[in-house]
Amino acid sequence: MSSPANYFAATLLEATFLEEFWGTLEQAAAACRVEPAWLVQRVEAGLFPHAECAGGLWRVSSIAINRAARMRSIEITFDAAPELAALVADLLEERDRSRV
């Protein structure tokens, strides 16, 4: 049986109609498929503008879920610094907007 966090992450990833999500740090990180510390570091560094913490609850936009996956993949695949991964994610997001 899968854990509640895994179920939550899968459910949120499948629900593309969601504009934003409010939950705990662990739920937000699970939705983005990253470790909580990874998410906190990038938010505090200003590299992840689509997530924020207010009163212990995290707000994560649907855009943030895709951005986290892109950034994490870039960091791992190319051994890139978080700042570089964020820049590349910005460029990919701009490309995606121009295609619409």
N, C-alpha and C. Protein backbone atom coordinates (compact mmCIF):
# COMPACT_ATOMS: atom_id res chain seq x y z
N MET A 1 0.84 -1.18 0.00
CA MET A 1 0.00 0.00 0.00
C MET A 1 0.89 1.24 0.00
N SER A 2 0.54 2.24 -0.78
CA SER A 2 1.35 3.45 -0.83
C SER A 2 1.05 4.35 0.35
N SER A 3 2.01 5.21 0.64
CA SER A 3 1.85 6.11 1.78
C SER A 3 0.88 7.22 1.42
N PRO A 4 0.31 7.90 2.43
CA PRO A 4 -0.59 9.02 2.16
C PRO A 4 0.10 10.13 1.35
N ALA A 5 1.38 10.37 1.61
CA ALA A 5 2.10 11.41 0.87
C ALA A 5 2.20 11.06 -0.60
N ASN A 6 2.48 9.77 -0.90
CA ASN A 6 2.56 9.36 -2.30
C ASN A 6 1.21 9.45 -2.99
N TYR A 7 0.16 9.05 -2.28
CA TYR A 7 -1.18 9.16 -2.84
C TYR A 7 -1.53 10.61 -3.11
N PHE A 8 -1.21 11.47 -2.15
CA PHE A 8 -1.49 12.90 -2.29
C PHE A 8 -0.75 13.48 -3.48
N ALA A 9 0.52 13.15 -3.61
CA ALA A 9 1.33 13.68 -4.72
C ALA A 9 0.76 13.22 -6.05
N ALA A 10 0.41 11.96 -6.16
CA ALA A 10 -0.14 11.45 -7.41
C ALA A 10 -1.46 12.12 -7.73
N THR A 11 -2.30 12.30 -6.73
CA THR A 11 -3.59 12.93 -6.94
C THR A 11 -3.42 14.37 -7.39
N LEU A 12 -2.52 15.09 -6.75
CA LEU A 12 -2.31 16.50 -7.11
C LEU A 12 -1.71 16.62 -8.50
N LEU A 13 -0.78 15.76 -8.84
CA LEU A 13 -0.17 15.82 -10.16
C LEU A 13 -1.18 15.53 -11.26
N GLU A 14 -2.14 14.67 -10.98
CA GLU A 14 -3.15 14.34 -11.97
C GLU A 14 -4.21 15.43 -12.09
N ALA A 15 -4.37 16.25 -11.08
CA ALA A 15 -5.40 17.28 -11.07
C ALA A 15 -4.86 18.58 -11.66
N THR A 16 -4.73 18.61 -12.95
CA THR A 16 -4.14 19.77 -13.60
C THR A 16 -5.03 20.99 -13.55
N PHE A 17 -6.29 20.80 -13.18
CA PHE A 17 -7.21 21.92 -13.13
C PHE A 17 -6.99 22.78 -11.88
N LEU A 18 -6.24 22.30 -10.93
CA LEU A 18 -6.02 23.05 -9.70
C LEU A 18 -5.18 24.29 -9.97
N GLU A 19 -5.61 25.42 -9.46
CA GLU A 19 -4.84 26.64 -9.59
C GLU A 19 -3.77 26.73 -8.51
N GLU A 20 -4.13 26.33 -7.29
CA GLU A 20 -3.16 26.35 -6.21
C GLU A 20 -3.55 25.35 -5.14
N PHE A 21 -2.60 25.05 -4.30
CA PHE A 21 -2.76 24.05 -3.25
C PHE A 21 -2.24 24.65 -1.94
N TRP A 22 -2.95 24.42 -0.87
CA TRP A 22 -2.48 24.79 0.47
C TRP A 22 -2.27 23.52 1.26
N GLY A 23 -1.12 23.38 1.91
CA GLY A 23 -0.86 22.20 2.72
C GLY A 23 0.43 22.35 3.49
N THR A 24 0.83 21.29 4.12
CA THR A 24 2.06 21.31 4.91
C THR A 24 3.26 21.31 3.97
N LEU A 25 4.41 21.59 4.54
CA LEU A 25 5.65 21.57 3.77
C LEU A 25 5.86 20.19 3.15
N GLU A 26 5.62 19.16 3.92
CA GLU A 26 5.82 17.79 3.43
C GLU A 26 4.88 17.48 2.27
N GLN A 27 3.62 17.93 2.35
CA GLN A 27 2.67 17.71 1.27
C GLN A 27 3.08 18.49 0.02
N ALA A 28 3.50 19.73 0.21
CA ALA A 28 3.93 20.55 -0.93
C ALA A 28 5.14 19.92 -1.60
N ALA A 29 6.10 19.48 -0.82
CA ALA A 29 7.30 18.86 -1.38
C ALA A 29 6.94 17.55 -2.09
N ALA A 30 6.04 16.77 -1.50
CA ALA A 30 5.62 15.52 -2.14
C ALA A 30 4.91 15.80 -3.46
N ALA A 31 4.09 16.84 -3.50
CA ALA A 31 3.40 17.19 -4.74
C ALA A 31 4.40 17.57 -5.82
N CYS A 32 5.48 18.23 -5.42
CA CYS A 32 6.51 18.65 -6.36
C CYS A 32 7.55 17.56 -6.59
N ARG A 33 7.42 16.46 -5.86
CA ARG A 33 8.35 15.32 -5.94
C ARG A 33 9.79 15.70 -5.63
N VAL A 34 9.93 16.49 -4.56
CA VAL A 34 11.25 16.89 -4.07
C VAL A 34 11.26 16.73 -2.56
N GLU A 35 12.44 16.81 -1.98
CA GLU A 35 12.57 16.77 -0.52
C GLU A 35 12.15 18.13 0.05
N PRO A 36 11.60 18.14 1.27
CA PRO A 36 11.21 19.41 1.88
C PRO A 36 12.35 20.42 1.95
N ALA A 37 13.55 19.98 2.30
CA ALA A 37 14.69 20.89 2.40
C ALA A 37 15.02 21.50 1.04
N TRP A 38 14.89 20.73 -0.03
CA TRP A 38 15.13 21.23 -1.38
C TRP A 38 14.19 22.38 -1.68
N LEU A 39 12.91 22.19 -1.38
CA LEU A 39 11.91 23.22 -1.64
C LEU A 39 12.18 24.48 -0.82
N VAL A 40 12.46 24.32 0.47
CA VAL A 40 12.71 25.46 1.35
C VAL A 40 13.92 26.26 0.86
N GLN A 41 14.99 25.58 0.51
CA GLN A 41 16.21 26.26 0.06
C GLN A 41 15.95 27.12 -1.18
N ARG A 42 15.21 26.58 -2.14
CA ARG A 42 14.97 27.32 -3.37
C ARG A 42 13.98 28.47 -3.17
N VAL A 43 13.00 28.28 -2.29
CA VAL A 43 12.06 29.37 -2.00
C VAL A 43 12.80 30.50 -1.28
N GLU A 44 13.61 30.16 -0.28
CA GLU A 44 14.35 31.17 0.47
C GLU A 44 15.36 31.91 -0.41
N ALA A 45 15.89 31.25 -1.43
CA ALA A 45 16.84 31.87 -2.34
C ALA A 45 16.15 32.69 -3.42
N GLY A 46 14.82 32.66 -3.46
CA GLY A 46 14.07 33.41 -4.46
C GLY A 46 14.05 32.75 -5.82
N LEU A 47 14.38 31.46 -5.88
CA LEU A 47 14.44 30.74 -7.15
C LEU A 47 13.14 30.03 -7.50
N PHE A 48 12.22 30.06 -6.58
CA PHE A 48 10.98 29.30 -6.74
C PHE A 48 9.82 30.21 -6.34
N PRO A 49 9.45 31.15 -7.20
CA PRO A 49 8.46 32.16 -6.83
C PRO A 49 7.02 31.67 -6.75
N HIS A 50 6.75 30.46 -7.18
CA HIS A 50 5.39 29.96 -7.22
C HIS A 50 5.01 29.17 -5.97
N ALA A 51 5.79 29.33 -4.92
CA ALA A 51 5.49 28.66 -3.64
C ALA A 51 5.83 29.62 -2.52
N GLU A 52 5.04 29.57 -1.47
CA GLU A 52 5.30 30.44 -0.32
C GLU A 52 4.71 29.81 0.93
N CYS A 53 5.18 30.27 2.08
CA CYS A 53 4.70 29.76 3.36
C CYS A 53 4.00 30.90 4.10
N ALA A 54 2.82 30.61 4.63
CA ALA A 54 2.07 31.59 5.42
C ALA A 54 1.43 30.86 6.59
N GLY A 55 1.84 31.21 7.79
CA GLY A 55 1.25 30.59 8.97
C GLY A 55 1.45 29.10 9.08
N GLY A 56 2.57 28.62 8.58
CA GLY A 56 2.85 27.19 8.65
C GLY A 56 2.29 26.37 7.51
N LEU A 57 1.43 26.97 6.70
CA LEU A 57 0.89 26.28 5.53
C LEU A 57 1.59 26.80 4.28
N TRP A 58 1.81 25.90 3.37
CA TRP A 58 2.48 26.24 2.12
C TRP A 58 1.45 26.37 1.02
N ARG A 59 1.63 27.39 0.20
CA ARG A 59 0.80 27.56 -0.99
C ARG A 59 1.69 27.28 -2.19
N VAL A 60 1.25 26.36 -3.00
CA VAL A 60 2.02 25.96 -4.17
C VAL A 60 1.10 26.05 -5.37
N SER A 61 1.51 26.80 -6.38
CA SER A 61 0.70 26.90 -7.59
C SER A 61 0.90 25.65 -8.45
N SER A 62 -0.01 25.45 -9.36
CA SER A 62 0.14 24.31 -10.27
C SER A 62 1.38 24.50 -11.15
N ILE A 63 1.74 25.74 -11.42
CA ILE A 63 2.95 26.02 -12.18
C ILE A 63 4.19 25.54 -11.42
N ALA A 64 4.15 25.65 -10.10
CA ALA A 64 5.30 25.27 -9.28
C ALA A 64 5.62 23.79 -9.39
N ILE A 65 4.61 22.98 -9.54
CA ILE A 65 4.84 21.54 -9.62
C ILE A 65 5.68 21.21 -10.86
N ASN A 66 5.32 21.78 -11.99
CA ASN A 66 6.11 21.56 -13.21
C ASN A 66 7.49 22.19 -13.10
N ARG A 67 7.56 23.38 -12.50
CA ARG A 67 8.84 24.07 -12.36
C ARG A 67 9.79 23.25 -11.49
N ALA A 68 9.28 22.69 -10.40
CA ALA A 68 10.12 21.89 -9.50
C ALA A 68 10.68 20.68 -10.24
N ALA A 69 9.84 20.02 -11.01
CA ALA A 69 10.30 18.85 -11.76
C ALA A 69 11.39 19.24 -12.75
N ARG A 70 11.19 20.35 -13.44
CA ARG A 70 12.19 20.81 -14.40
C ARG A 70 13.50 21.16 -13.70
N MET A 71 13.39 21.96 -12.65
CA MET A 71 14.60 22.39 -11.94
C MET A 71 15.35 21.19 -11.39
N ARG A 72 14.64 20.27 -10.76
CA ARG A 72 15.30 19.10 -10.16
C ARG A 72 15.97 18.26 -11.24
N SER A 73 15.29 18.08 -12.36
CA SER A 73 15.86 17.30 -13.45
C SER A 73 17.12 17.96 -14.00
N ILE A 74 17.09 19.27 -14.17
CA ILE A 74 18.25 20.00 -14.68
C ILE A 74 19.42 19.89 -13.70
N GLU A 75 19.11 20.04 -12.41
CA GLU A 75 20.17 19.94 -11.39
C GLU A 75 20.83 18.58 -11.41
N ILE A 76 20.03 17.54 -11.53
CA ILE A 76 20.58 16.17 -11.49
C ILE A 76 21.28 15.82 -12.81
N THR A 77 20.60 16.06 -13.93
CA THR A 77 21.13 15.66 -15.23
C THR A 77 22.44 16.36 -15.57
N PHE A 78 22.49 17.66 -15.30
CA PHE A 78 23.66 18.44 -15.70
C PHE A 78 24.54 18.86 -14.53
N ASP A 79 24.25 18.34 -13.34
CA ASP A 79 24.98 18.72 -12.14
C ASP A 79 25.03 20.24 -12.03
N ALA A 80 23.88 20.86 -12.29
CA ALA A 80 23.78 22.32 -12.34
C ALA A 80 23.51 22.91 -10.96
N ALA A 81 24.00 24.10 -10.77
CA ALA A 81 23.71 24.86 -9.56
C ALA A 81 22.23 25.24 -9.58
N PRO A 82 21.62 25.40 -8.41
CA PRO A 82 20.20 25.77 -8.36
C PRO A 82 19.87 27.04 -9.15
N GLU A 83 20.77 28.02 -9.13
CA GLU A 83 20.54 29.27 -9.86
C GLU A 83 20.47 29.03 -11.36
N LEU A 84 21.33 28.18 -11.86
CA LEU A 84 21.33 27.86 -13.29
C LEU A 84 20.06 27.08 -13.65
N ALA A 85 19.69 26.14 -12.81
CA ALA A 85 18.47 25.37 -13.06
C ALA A 85 17.25 26.28 -13.09
N ALA A 86 17.21 27.27 -12.20
CA ALA A 86 16.10 28.22 -12.18
C ALA A 86 16.08 29.06 -13.45
N LEU A 87 17.24 29.48 -13.92
CA LEU A 87 17.32 30.27 -15.15
C LEU A 87 16.82 29.45 -16.34
N VAL A 88 17.26 28.22 -16.44
CA VAL A 88 16.82 27.36 -17.53
C VAL A 88 15.30 27.12 -17.43
N ALA A 89 14.79 26.92 -16.22
CA ALA A 89 13.35 26.74 -16.04
C ALA A 89 12.60 27.99 -16.49
N ASP A 90 13.14 29.16 -16.17
CA ASP A 90 12.53 30.42 -16.63
C ASP A 90 12.45 30.45 -18.16
N LEU A 91 13.53 30.08 -18.81
CA LEU A 91 13.56 30.10 -20.27
C LEU A 91 12.58 29.08 -20.87
N LEU A 92 12.49 27.92 -20.26
CA LEU A 92 11.55 26.91 -20.74
C LEU A 92 10.10 27.36 -20.54
N GLU A 93 9.83 28.02 -19.41
CA GLU A 93 8.49 28.54 -19.17
C GLU A 93 8.13 29.62 -20.18
N GLU A 94 9.09 30.47 -20.50
CA GLU A 94 8.87 31.52 -21.50
C GLU A 94 8.60 30.89 -22.87
N ARG A 95 9.35 29.86 -23.20
CA ARG A 95 9.13 29.15 -24.47
C ARG A 95 7.72 28.55 -24.50
N ASP A 96 7.31 27.93 -23.40
CA ASP A 96 5.99 27.33 -23.34
C ASP A 96 4.88 28.37 -23.51
N ARG A 97 5.06 29.54 -22.88
CA ARG A 97 4.05 30.61 -23.01
C ARG A 97 3.98 31.11 -24.45
N SER A 98 5.11 31.18 -25.13
CA SER A 98 5.12 31.71 -26.50
C SER A 98 4.50 30.73 -27.49
N ARG A 99 4.41 29.48 -27.14
CA ARG A 99 3.83 28.45 -28.01
C ARG A 99 2.30 28.45 -27.95
N VAL A 100 1.75 29.05 -26.93
CA VAL A 100 0.29 29.01 -26.75
C VAL A 100 -0.41 29.96 -27.66
